[in-house]
Amino acid sequence: MEKNTIKIEALFISDVHLGSKGSNPKELLTVLKKYEPQYLFLVGDIIDGWLLKRRIYWTQSNTNLIRKILSYSKSGTKVIYIPGNHDEFLREYGEITFGNIEFHDEYVYKDIFITHGDLYDGVVKLKWLGIIGSVGYDMAIVFDRFLKKLGYKMSLSKYLKDKVKGAVKFITSFEDQIMYQGKKRNCKNVVCGHIHFPVIKEVDDMTYINCGDWIENNTYVIYNNNKFTLHEYKKEINNSDSDI
């Protein structure tokens, strides 16, 4: 482990989308170097298999991040990898264990139900639509970064994502469905990713936690002393690693 690391019980990250030009593995690596978790939960879409099937885009920063995760597992951290729809190829191997790394479709830790979330999203069943959306979103991210270099603050990717969300509301209520699945498993907390919308909120007697993503939001979740906190990378740059 790195020197002066912060010991915590669990760290949750999702939707890194390695293989996407919009991914921020270097920033995530900076975060991982800060902590020494007992558990690291990779809550899906860590690798973007959909985009990698179309073209190979893999940076040294991607490799460095994978090495850090492997280093965690060698140093005693239990790594739980829960694939999502973009890295669904890992589901083909079933629930397997490699040393201190476990692969599960879903996972229950204490009273926390952990799932990527795509299994309960009606839109994902239309896989061809999802792939088209993924490609378009990746292109929008690249365009956004070009606009930022020119000084514009608008975000085409966020605009498109918000429009798509509005169009599919009639298909499923994602948060309600995730919490329903948690209740079925007698859990009081649910952790997911998938929709790139970081939040922690109380609903009735349940706590809903979405890890967000490492494309636009750069967020992660810490569980320590029976409490969930949501953190954002850009706040750490200003030495104000506060909850959001």
C-alpha atoms as a PDB file:
ATOM      1  CA  MET A   1       0.000   0.000   0.000  1.00  0.00           C
ATOM      2  CA  GLU A   2       0.981   3.653  -0.424  1.00  0.00           C
ATOM      3  CA  LYS A   3       2.400   5.573   2.548  1.00  0.00           C
ATOM      4  CA  ASN A   4      -0.026   7.566   4.715  1.00  0.00           C
ATOM      5  CA  THR A   5      -3.087   5.816   3.317  1.00  0.00           C
ATOM      6  CA  ILE A   6      -6.480   6.109   4.993  1.00  0.00           C
ATOM      7  CA  LYS A   7      -7.836   2.817   6.323  1.00  0.00           C
ATOM      8  CA  ILE A   8     -11.527   2.291   5.561  1.00  0.00           C
ATOM      9  CA  GLU A   9     -13.941  -0.610   5.517  1.00  0.00           C
ATOM     10  CA  ALA A  10     -15.184  -0.435   1.923  1.00  0.00           C
ATOM     11  CA  LEU A  11     -14.714   1.596  -1.252  1.00  0.00           C
ATOM     12  CA  PHE A  12     -17.237   1.503  -4.115  1.00  0.00           C
ATOM     13  CA  ILE A  13     -16.583   2.623  -7.700  1.00  0.00           C
ATOM     14  CA  SER A  14     -18.569   2.076 -10.866  1.00  0.00           C
ATOM     15  CA  ASP A  15     -18.754   3.045 -14.532  1.00  0.00           C
ATOM     16  CA  VAL A  16     -15.088   3.744 -15.221  1.00  0.00           C
ATOM     17  CA  HIS A  17     -15.528   2.625 -18.857  1.00  0.00           C
ATOM     18  CA  LEU A  18     -11.903   1.805 -19.569  1.00  0.00           C
ATOM     19  CA  GLY A  19     -11.620   1.754 -23.359  1.00  0.00           C
ATOM     20  CA  SER A  20     -13.713   4.886 -23.684  1.00  0.00           C
ATOM     21  CA  LYS A  21     -11.965   8.110 -24.649  1.00  0.00           C
ATOM     22  CA  GLY A  22     -13.981   9.853 -21.966  1.00  0.00           C
ATOM     23  CA  SER A  23     -12.698   7.689 -19.097  1.00  0.00           C
ATOM     24  CA  ASN A  24     -10.569   9.242 -16.348  1.00  0.00           C
ATOM     25  CA  PRO A  25      -8.353   6.414 -15.046  1.00  0.00           C
ATOM     26  CA  LYS A  26      -5.511   8.728 -14.003  1.00  0.00           C
ATOM     27  CA  GLU A  27      -7.799  10.646 -11.659  1.00  0.00           C
ATOM     28  CA  LEU A  28      -9.249   7.449 -10.231  1.00  0.00           C
ATOM     29  CA  LEU A  29      -5.749   6.077  -9.623  1.00  0.00           C
ATOM     30  CA  THR A  30      -4.973   9.209  -7.581  1.00  0.00           C
ATOM     31  CA  VAL A  31      -7.997   8.437  -5.406  1.00  0.00           C
ATOM     32  CA  LEU A  32      -7.167   4.752  -4.958  1.00  0.00           C
ATOM     33  CA  LYS A  33      -3.660   5.623  -3.767  1.00  0.00           C
ATOM     34  CA  LYS A  34      -5.218   7.517  -0.844  1.00  0.00           C
ATOM     35  CA  TYR A  35      -7.070   4.578   0.693  1.00  0.00           C
ATOM     36  CA  GLU A  36      -6.469   1.176   2.211  1.00  0.00           C
ATOM     37  CA  PRO A  37      -9.885  -0.515   2.102  1.00  0.00           C
ATOM     38  CA  GLN A  38     -10.768  -3.902   3.517  1.00  0.00           C
ATOM     39  CA  TYR A  39     -13.137  -4.305   0.563  1.00  0.00           C
ATOM     40  CA  LEU A  40     -13.043  -2.786  -2.911  1.00  0.00           C
ATOM     41  CA  PHE A  41     -16.338  -3.132  -4.766  1.00  0.00           C
ATOM     42  CA  LEU A  42     -16.172  -2.655  -8.541  1.00  0.00           C
ATOM     43  CA  VAL A  43     -19.832  -2.045  -9.321  1.00  0.00           C
ATOM     44  CA  GLY A  44     -19.873  -2.688 -13.063  1.00  0.00           C
ATOM     45  CA  ASP A  45     -18.847  -1.123 -16.363  1.00  0.00           C
ATOM     46  CA  ILE A  46     -15.233  -0.895 -15.245  1.00  0.00           C
ATOM     47  CA  ILE A  47     -14.160  -2.020 -18.723  1.00  0.00           C
ATOM     48  CA  ASP A  48     -16.171  -0.896 -21.745  1.00  0.00           C
ATOM     49  CA  GLY A  49     -16.315  -4.106 -23.745  1.00  0.00           C
ATOM     50  CA  TRP A  50     -18.895  -2.676 -26.129  1.00  0.00           C
ATOM     51  CA  LEU A  51     -16.513   0.028 -27.358  1.00  0.00           C
ATOM     52  CA  LEU A  52     -13.443  -2.226 -27.323  1.00  0.00           C
ATOM     53  CA  LYS A  53     -15.225  -4.602 -29.688  1.00  0.00           C
ATOM     54  CA  ARG A  54     -15.518  -1.753 -32.198  1.00  0.00           C
ATOM     55  CA  ARG A  55     -11.994  -0.392 -31.867  1.00  0.00           C
ATOM     56  CA  ILE A  56      -9.029  -0.754 -29.523  1.00  0.00           C
ATOM     57  CA  TYR A  57      -8.361   2.276 -27.356  1.00  0.00           C
ATOM     58  CA  TRP A  58      -6.194   1.442 -24.366  1.00  0.00           C
ATOM     59  CA  THR A  59      -3.838   3.836 -22.600  1.00  0.00           C
ATOM     60  CA  GLN A  60      -0.996   3.379 -20.140  1.00  0.00           C
ATOM     61  CA  SER A  61      -3.210   5.029 -17.527  1.00  0.00           C
ATOM     62  CA  ASN A  62      -5.730   2.215 -18.018  1.00  0.00           C
ATOM     63  CA  THR A  63      -3.012  -0.365 -17.417  1.00  0.00           C
ATOM     64  CA  ASN A  64      -1.757   1.498 -14.351  1.00  0.00           C
ATOM     65  CA  LEU A  65      -5.249   1.464 -12.868  1.00  0.00           C
ATOM     66  CA  ILE A  66      -5.632  -2.291 -13.412  1.00  0.00           C
ATOM     67  CA  ARG A  67      -2.229  -2.822 -11.791  1.00  0.00           C
ATOM     68  CA  LYS A  68      -3.344  -0.814  -8.752  1.00  0.00           C
ATOM     69  CA  ILE A  69      -6.452  -2.959  -8.365  1.00  0.00           C
ATOM     70  CA  LEU A  70      -4.315  -6.101  -8.581  1.00  0.00           C
ATOM     71  CA  SER A  71      -1.942  -4.585  -6.033  1.00  0.00           C
ATOM     72  CA  TYR A  72      -4.889  -4.068  -3.687  1.00  0.00           C
ATOM     73  CA  SER A  73      -5.805  -7.744  -3.960  1.00  0.00           C
ATOM     74  CA  LYS A  74      -2.210  -8.819  -3.247  1.00  0.00           C
ATOM     75  CA  SER A  75      -2.058  -6.579  -0.185  1.00  0.00           C
ATOM     76  CA  GLY A  76      -5.076  -8.082   1.562  1.00  0.00           C
ATOM     77  CA  THR A  77      -7.981  -6.065   0.160  1.00  0.00           C
ATOM     78  CA  LYS A  78     -10.833  -8.296  -0.961  1.00  0.00           C
ATOM     79  CA  VAL A  79     -11.857  -7.129  -4.433  1.00  0.00           C
ATOM     80  CA  ILE A  80     -15.436  -7.874  -5.480  1.00  0.00           C
ATOM     81  CA  TYR A  81     -16.093  -7.338  -9.206  1.00  0.00           C
ATOM     82  CA  ILE A  82     -19.770  -7.103 -10.186  1.00  0.00           C
ATOM     83  CA  PRO A  83     -19.983  -6.817 -13.994  1.00  0.00           C
ATOM     84  CA  GLY A  84     -22.398  -4.468 -15.725  1.00  0.00           C
ATOM     85  CA  ASN A  85     -23.800  -4.416 -19.234  1.00  0.00           C
ATOM     86  CA  HIS A  86     -20.638  -2.941 -20.795  1.00  0.00           C
ATOM     87  CA  ASP A  87     -18.408  -5.616 -19.251  1.00  0.00           C
ATOM     88  CA  GLU A  88     -21.032  -8.352 -19.412  1.00  0.00           C
ATOM     89  CA  PHE A  89     -18.524 -10.680 -21.101  1.00  0.00           C
ATOM     90  CA  LEU A  90     -17.258 -11.406 -17.584  1.00  0.00           C
ATOM     91  CA  ARG A  91     -20.648 -12.834 -16.646  1.00  0.00           C
ATOM     92  CA  GLU A  92     -20.065 -15.688 -19.065  1.00  0.00           C
ATOM     93  CA  TYR A  93     -17.538 -17.160 -16.635  1.00  0.00           C
ATOM     94  CA  GLY A  94     -20.024 -17.303 -13.775  1.00  0.00           C
ATOM     95  CA  GLU A  95     -19.152 -16.626 -10.154  1.00  0.00           C
ATOM     96  CA  ILE A  96     -15.437 -17.327  -9.917  1.00  0.00           C
ATOM     97  CA  THR A  97     -12.533 -16.453  -7.621  1.00  0.00           C
ATOM     98  CA  PHE A  98      -8.956 -15.579  -8.493  1.00  0.00           C
ATOM     99  CA  GLY A  99      -6.954 -15.253  -5.305  1.00  0.00           C
ATOM    100  CA  ASN A 100      -8.448 -12.293  -3.463  1.00  0.00           C
ATOM    101  CA  ILE A 101     -10.622 -11.187  -6.421  1.00  0.00           C
ATOM    102  CA  GLU A 102     -14.175 -12.489  -6.692  1.00  0.00           C
ATOM    103  CA  PHE A 103     -16.629 -12.107  -9.573  1.00  0.00           C
ATOM    104  CA  HIS A 104     -20.354 -12.051  -8.826  1.00  0.00           C
ATOM    105  CA  ASP A 105     -23.416 -11.030 -10.824  1.00  0.00           C
ATOM    106  CA  GLU A 106     -24.694  -9.367  -7.627  1.00  0.00           C
ATOM    107  CA  TYR A 107     -23.535  -9.362  -4.036  1.00  0.00           C
ATOM    108  CA  VAL A 108     -24.864  -8.915  -0.515  1.00  0.00           C
ATOM    109  CA  TYR A 109     -22.459  -7.495   2.066  1.00  0.00           C
ATOM    110  CA  LYS A 110     -23.912  -7.211   5.562  1.00  0.00           C
ATOM    111  CA  ASP A 111     -27.277  -5.520   4.865  1.00  0.00           C
ATOM    112  CA  ILE A 112     -26.145  -3.952   1.569  1.00  0.00           C
ATOM    113  CA  PHE A 113     -27.425  -5.225  -1.769  1.00  0.00           C
ATOM    114  CA  ILE A 114     -24.871  -4.424  -4.498  1.00  0.00           C
ATOM    115  CA  THR A 115     -25.726  -4.600  -8.188  1.00  0.00           C
ATOM    116  CA  HIS A 116     -24.675  -2.682 -11.272  1.00  0.00           C
ATOM    117  CA  GLY A 117     -28.334  -2.086 -12.069  1.00  0.00           C
ATOM    118  CA  ASP A 118     -28.620  -3.010 -15.737  1.00  0.00           C
ATOM    119  CA  LEU A 119     -30.448  -6.238 -14.896  1.00  0.00           C
ATOM    120  CA  TYR A 120     -33.378  -4.099 -13.709  1.00  0.00           C
ATOM    121  CA  ASP A 121     -33.334  -1.507 -16.492  1.00  0.00           C
ATOM    122  CA  GLY A 122     -35.892  -2.247 -19.190  1.00  0.00           C
ATOM    123  CA  VAL A 123     -33.953  -0.279 -21.794  1.00  0.00           C
ATOM    124  CA  VAL A 124     -30.938  -2.595 -21.575  1.00  0.00           C
ATOM    125  CA  LYS A 125     -33.073  -5.427 -22.937  1.00  0.00           C
ATOM    126  CA  LEU A 126     -32.981  -3.504 -26.228  1.00  0.00           C
ATOM    127  CA  LYS A 127     -29.242  -4.146 -26.514  1.00  0.00           C
ATOM    128  CA  TRP A 128     -28.841  -2.703 -30.021  1.00  0.00           C
ATOM    129  CA  LEU A 129     -30.264   0.602 -28.757  1.00  0.00           C
ATOM    130  CA  GLY A 130     -27.876   0.597 -25.836  1.00  0.00           C
ATOM    131  CA  ILE A 131     -24.838   0.016 -28.055  1.00  0.00           C
ATOM    132  CA  ILE A 132     -25.821   2.852 -30.382  1.00  0.00           C
ATOM    133  CA  GLY A 133     -26.271   5.102 -27.365  1.00  0.00           C
ATOM    134  CA  SER A 134     -22.879   4.092 -25.975  1.00  0.00           C
ATOM    135  CA  VAL A 135     -21.080   4.953 -29.214  1.00  0.00           C
ATOM    136  CA  GLY A 136     -22.888   8.282 -29.511  1.00  0.00           C
ATOM    137  CA  TYR A 137     -22.148   9.137 -25.881  1.00  0.00           C
ATOM    138  CA  ASP A 138     -18.443   8.405 -26.350  1.00  0.00           C
ATOM    139  CA  MET A 139     -18.320  10.720 -29.362  1.00  0.00           C
ATOM    140  CA  ALA A 140     -20.161  13.427 -27.399  1.00  0.00           C
ATOM    141  CA  ILE A 141     -17.588  13.220 -24.578  1.00  0.00           C
ATOM    142  CA  VAL A 142     -14.740  13.781 -27.055  1.00  0.00           C
ATOM    143  CA  PHE A 143     -16.631  16.733 -28.547  1.00  0.00           C
ATOM    144  CA  ASP A 144     -17.221  18.186 -25.062  1.00  0.00           C
ATOM    145  CA  ARG A 145     -13.519  18.165 -24.293  1.00  0.00           C
ATOM    146  CA  PHE A 146     -12.810  19.964 -27.559  1.00  0.00           C
ATOM    147  CA  LEU A 147     -15.390  22.628 -26.633  1.00  0.00           C
ATOM    148  CA  LYS A 148     -13.840  23.077 -23.175  1.00  0.00           C
ATOM    149  CA  LYS A 149     -10.458  23.772 -24.770  1.00  0.00           C
ATOM    150  CA  LEU A 150     -12.166  26.573 -26.699  1.00  0.00           C
ATOM    151  CA  GLY A 151     -13.617  27.963 -23.478  1.00  0.00           C
ATOM    152  CA  TYR A 152     -17.217  26.728 -23.806  1.00  0.00           C
ATOM    153  CA  LYS A 153     -18.964  25.322 -20.708  1.00  0.00           C
ATOM    154  CA  MET A 154     -21.854  23.557 -22.432  1.00  0.00           C
ATOM    155  CA  SER A 155     -21.985  19.748 -22.282  1.00  0.00           C
ATOM    156  CA  LEU A 156     -23.428  17.910 -25.261  1.00  0.00           C
ATOM    157  CA  SER A 157     -23.031  14.542 -23.499  1.00  0.00           C
ATOM    158  CA  LYS A 158     -25.032  15.706 -20.471  1.00  0.00           C
ATOM    159  CA  TYR A 159     -27.712  17.177 -22.713  1.00  0.00           C
ATOM    160  CA  LEU A 160     -28.058  13.914 -24.655  1.00  0.00           C
ATOM    161  CA  LYS A 161     -28.065  11.823 -21.488  1.00  0.00           C
ATOM    162  CA  ASP A 162     -30.780  13.943 -19.891  1.00  0.00           C
ATOM    163  CA  LYS A 163     -32.892  13.731 -23.048  1.00  0.00           C
ATOM    164  CA  VAL A 164     -32.575   9.940 -23.202  1.00  0.00           C
ATOM    165  CA  LYS A 165     -33.463   9.625 -19.512  1.00  0.00           C
ATOM    166  CA  GLY A 166     -36.621  11.614 -20.076  1.00  0.00           C
ATOM    167  CA  ALA A 167     -37.609   9.464 -23.051  1.00  0.00           C
ATOM    168  CA  VAL A 168     -37.380   6.167 -21.187  1.00  0.00           C
ATOM    169  CA  LYS A 169     -39.066   7.068 -17.896  1.00  0.00           C
ATOM    170  CA  PHE A 170     -42.215   5.214 -18.949  1.00  0.00           C
ATOM    171  CA  ILE A 171     -40.266   1.926 -19.298  1.00  0.00           C
ATOM    172  CA  THR A 172     -38.993   1.603 -15.751  1.00  0.00           C
ATOM    173  CA  SER A 173     -38.439   3.484 -12.530  1.00  0.00           C
ATOM    174  CA  PHE A 174     -34.848   2.508 -11.995  1.00  0.00           C
ATOM    175  CA  GLU A 175     -34.382   3.565  -8.386  1.00  0.00           C
ATOM    176  CA  ASP A 176     -37.670   2.045  -7.249  1.00  0.00           C
ATOM    177  CA  GLN A 177     -36.796  -1.248  -8.896  1.00  0.00           C
ATOM    178  CA  ILE A 178     -33.335  -1.391  -7.329  1.00  0.00           C
ATOM    179  CA  MET A 179     -34.767  -0.727  -3.873  1.00  0.00           C
ATOM    180  CA  TYR A 180     -37.463  -3.351  -4.447  1.00  0.00           C
ATOM    181  CA  GLN A 181     -34.735  -5.886  -5.233  1.00  0.00           C
ATOM    182  CA  GLY A 182     -32.915  -4.899  -2.056  1.00  0.00           C
ATOM    183  CA  LYS A 183     -36.033  -5.432   0.042  1.00  0.00           C
ATOM    184  CA  LYS A 184     -36.494  -8.878  -1.519  1.00  0.00           C
ATOM    185  CA  ARG A 185     -33.065  -9.743  -0.150  1.00  0.00           C
ATOM    186  CA  ASN A 186     -33.859  -8.313   3.309  1.00  0.00           C
ATOM    187  CA  CYS A 187     -31.344  -5.496   2.832  1.00  0.00           C
ATOM    188  CA  LYS A 188     -31.717  -1.939   4.114  1.00  0.00           C
ATOM    189  CA  ASN A 189     -29.161  -0.423   1.741  1.00  0.00           C
ATOM    190  CA  VAL A 190     -28.659  -0.707  -2.000  1.00  0.00           C
ATOM    191  CA  VAL A 191     -25.571   0.294  -3.982  1.00  0.00           C
ATOM    192  CA  CYS A 192     -25.560   0.502  -7.764  1.00  0.00           C
ATOM    193  CA  GLY A 193     -24.179   2.394 -10.763  1.00  0.00           C
ATOM    194  CA  HIS A 194     -25.300   2.218 -14.386  1.00  0.00           C
ATOM    195  CA  ILE A 195     -27.143   5.524 -14.810  1.00  0.00           C
ATOM    196  CA  HIS A 196     -24.155   7.798 -14.011  1.00  0.00           C
ATOM    197  CA  PHE A 197     -26.136   9.774 -11.457  1.00  0.00           C
ATOM    198  CA  PRO A 198     -24.298   9.925  -8.102  1.00  0.00           C
ATOM    199  CA  VAL A 199     -26.536  10.221  -5.063  1.00  0.00           C
ATOM    200  CA  ILE A 200     -27.182   8.988  -1.543  1.00  0.00           C
ATOM    201  CA  LYS A 201     -30.741   9.335  -0.355  1.00  0.00           C
ATOM    202  CA  GLU A 202     -33.149   7.889   2.153  1.00  0.00           C
ATOM    203  CA  VAL A 203     -36.428   6.512   0.841  1.00  0.00           C
ATOM    204  CA  ASP A 204     -38.798   5.195   3.492  1.00  0.00           C
ATOM    205  CA  ASP A 205     -36.658   2.743   5.467  1.00  0.00           C
ATOM    206  CA  MET A 206     -34.120   2.209   2.668  1.00  0.00           C
ATOM    207  CA  THR A 207     -30.883   3.956   1.692  1.00  0.00           C
ATOM    208  CA  TYR A 208     -30.275   4.231  -2.049  1.00  0.00           C
ATOM    209  CA  ILE A 209     -26.676   4.825  -3.160  1.00  0.00           C
ATOM    210  CA  ASN A 210     -25.508   5.349  -6.731  1.00  0.00           C
ATOM    211  CA  CYS A 211     -21.724   5.493  -7.214  1.00  0.00           C
ATOM    212  CA  GLY A 212     -21.892   7.762 -10.253  1.00  0.00           C
ATOM    213  CA  ASP A 213     -19.142   7.398 -12.860  1.00  0.00           C
ATOM    214  CA  TRP A 214     -15.590   8.241 -13.913  1.00  0.00           C
ATOM    215  CA  ILE A 215     -16.419  10.041 -17.151  1.00  0.00           C
ATOM    216  CA  GLU A 216     -18.233  13.196 -16.088  1.00  0.00           C
ATOM    217  CA  ASN A 217     -18.835  13.066 -12.337  1.00  0.00           C
ATOM    218  CA  ASN A 218     -15.665  11.348 -11.052  1.00  0.00           C
ATOM    219  CA  THR A 219     -17.359  10.107  -7.894  1.00  0.00           C
ATOM    220  CA  TYR A 220     -16.943   7.215  -5.489  1.00  0.00           C
ATOM    221  CA  VAL A 221     -18.545   5.963  -2.297  1.00  0.00           C
ATOM    222  CA  ILE A 222     -16.931   5.099   1.030  1.00  0.00           C
ATOM    223  CA  TYR A 223     -18.543   2.916   3.672  1.00  0.00           C
ATOM    224  CA  ASN A 224     -16.975   3.254   7.097  1.00  0.00           C
ATOM    225  CA  ASN A 225     -18.279   3.157  10.679  1.00  0.00           C
ATOM    226  CA  ASN A 226     -21.710   2.098   9.364  1.00  0.00           C
ATOM    227  CA  LYS A 227     -21.984   5.267   7.266  1.00  0.00           C
ATOM    228  CA  PHE A 228     -21.985   5.909   3.504  1.00  0.00           C
ATOM    229  CA  THR A 229     -20.327   9.037   2.115  1.00  0.00           C
ATOM    230  CA  LEU A 230     -20.219  10.183  -1.506  1.00  0.00           C
ATOM    231  CA  HIS A 231     -17.049  11.903  -2.691  1.00  0.00           C
ATOM    232  CA  GLU A 232     -16.079  13.796  -5.818  1.00  0.00           C
ATOM    233  CA  TYR A 233     -12.542  13.900  -7.218  1.00  0.00           C
ATOM    234  CA  LYS A 234     -12.441  17.565  -8.213  1.00  0.00           C
ATOM    235  CA  LYS A 235     -13.081  18.603  -4.613  1.00  0.00           C
ATOM    236  CA  GLU A 236      -9.962  16.714  -3.572  1.00  0.00           C
ATOM    237  CA  ILE A 237      -7.860  18.864  -5.896  1.00  0.00           C
ATOM    238  CA  ASN A 238      -8.714  21.818  -3.658  1.00  0.00           C
ATOM    239  CA  ASN A 239      -7.999  19.775  -0.531  1.00  0.00           C
ATOM    240  CA  SER A 240     -11.682  19.771   0.330  1.00  0.00           C
ATOM    241  CA  ASP A 241     -12.541  16.094   0.117  1.00  0.00           C
ATOM    242  CA  SER A 242     -16.087  16.652   1.317  1.00  0.00           C
ATOM    243  CA  ASP A 243     -19.298  14.743   0.842  1.00  0.00           C
ATOM    244  CA  ILE A 244     -21.711  15.669  -1.923  1.00  0.00           C
END
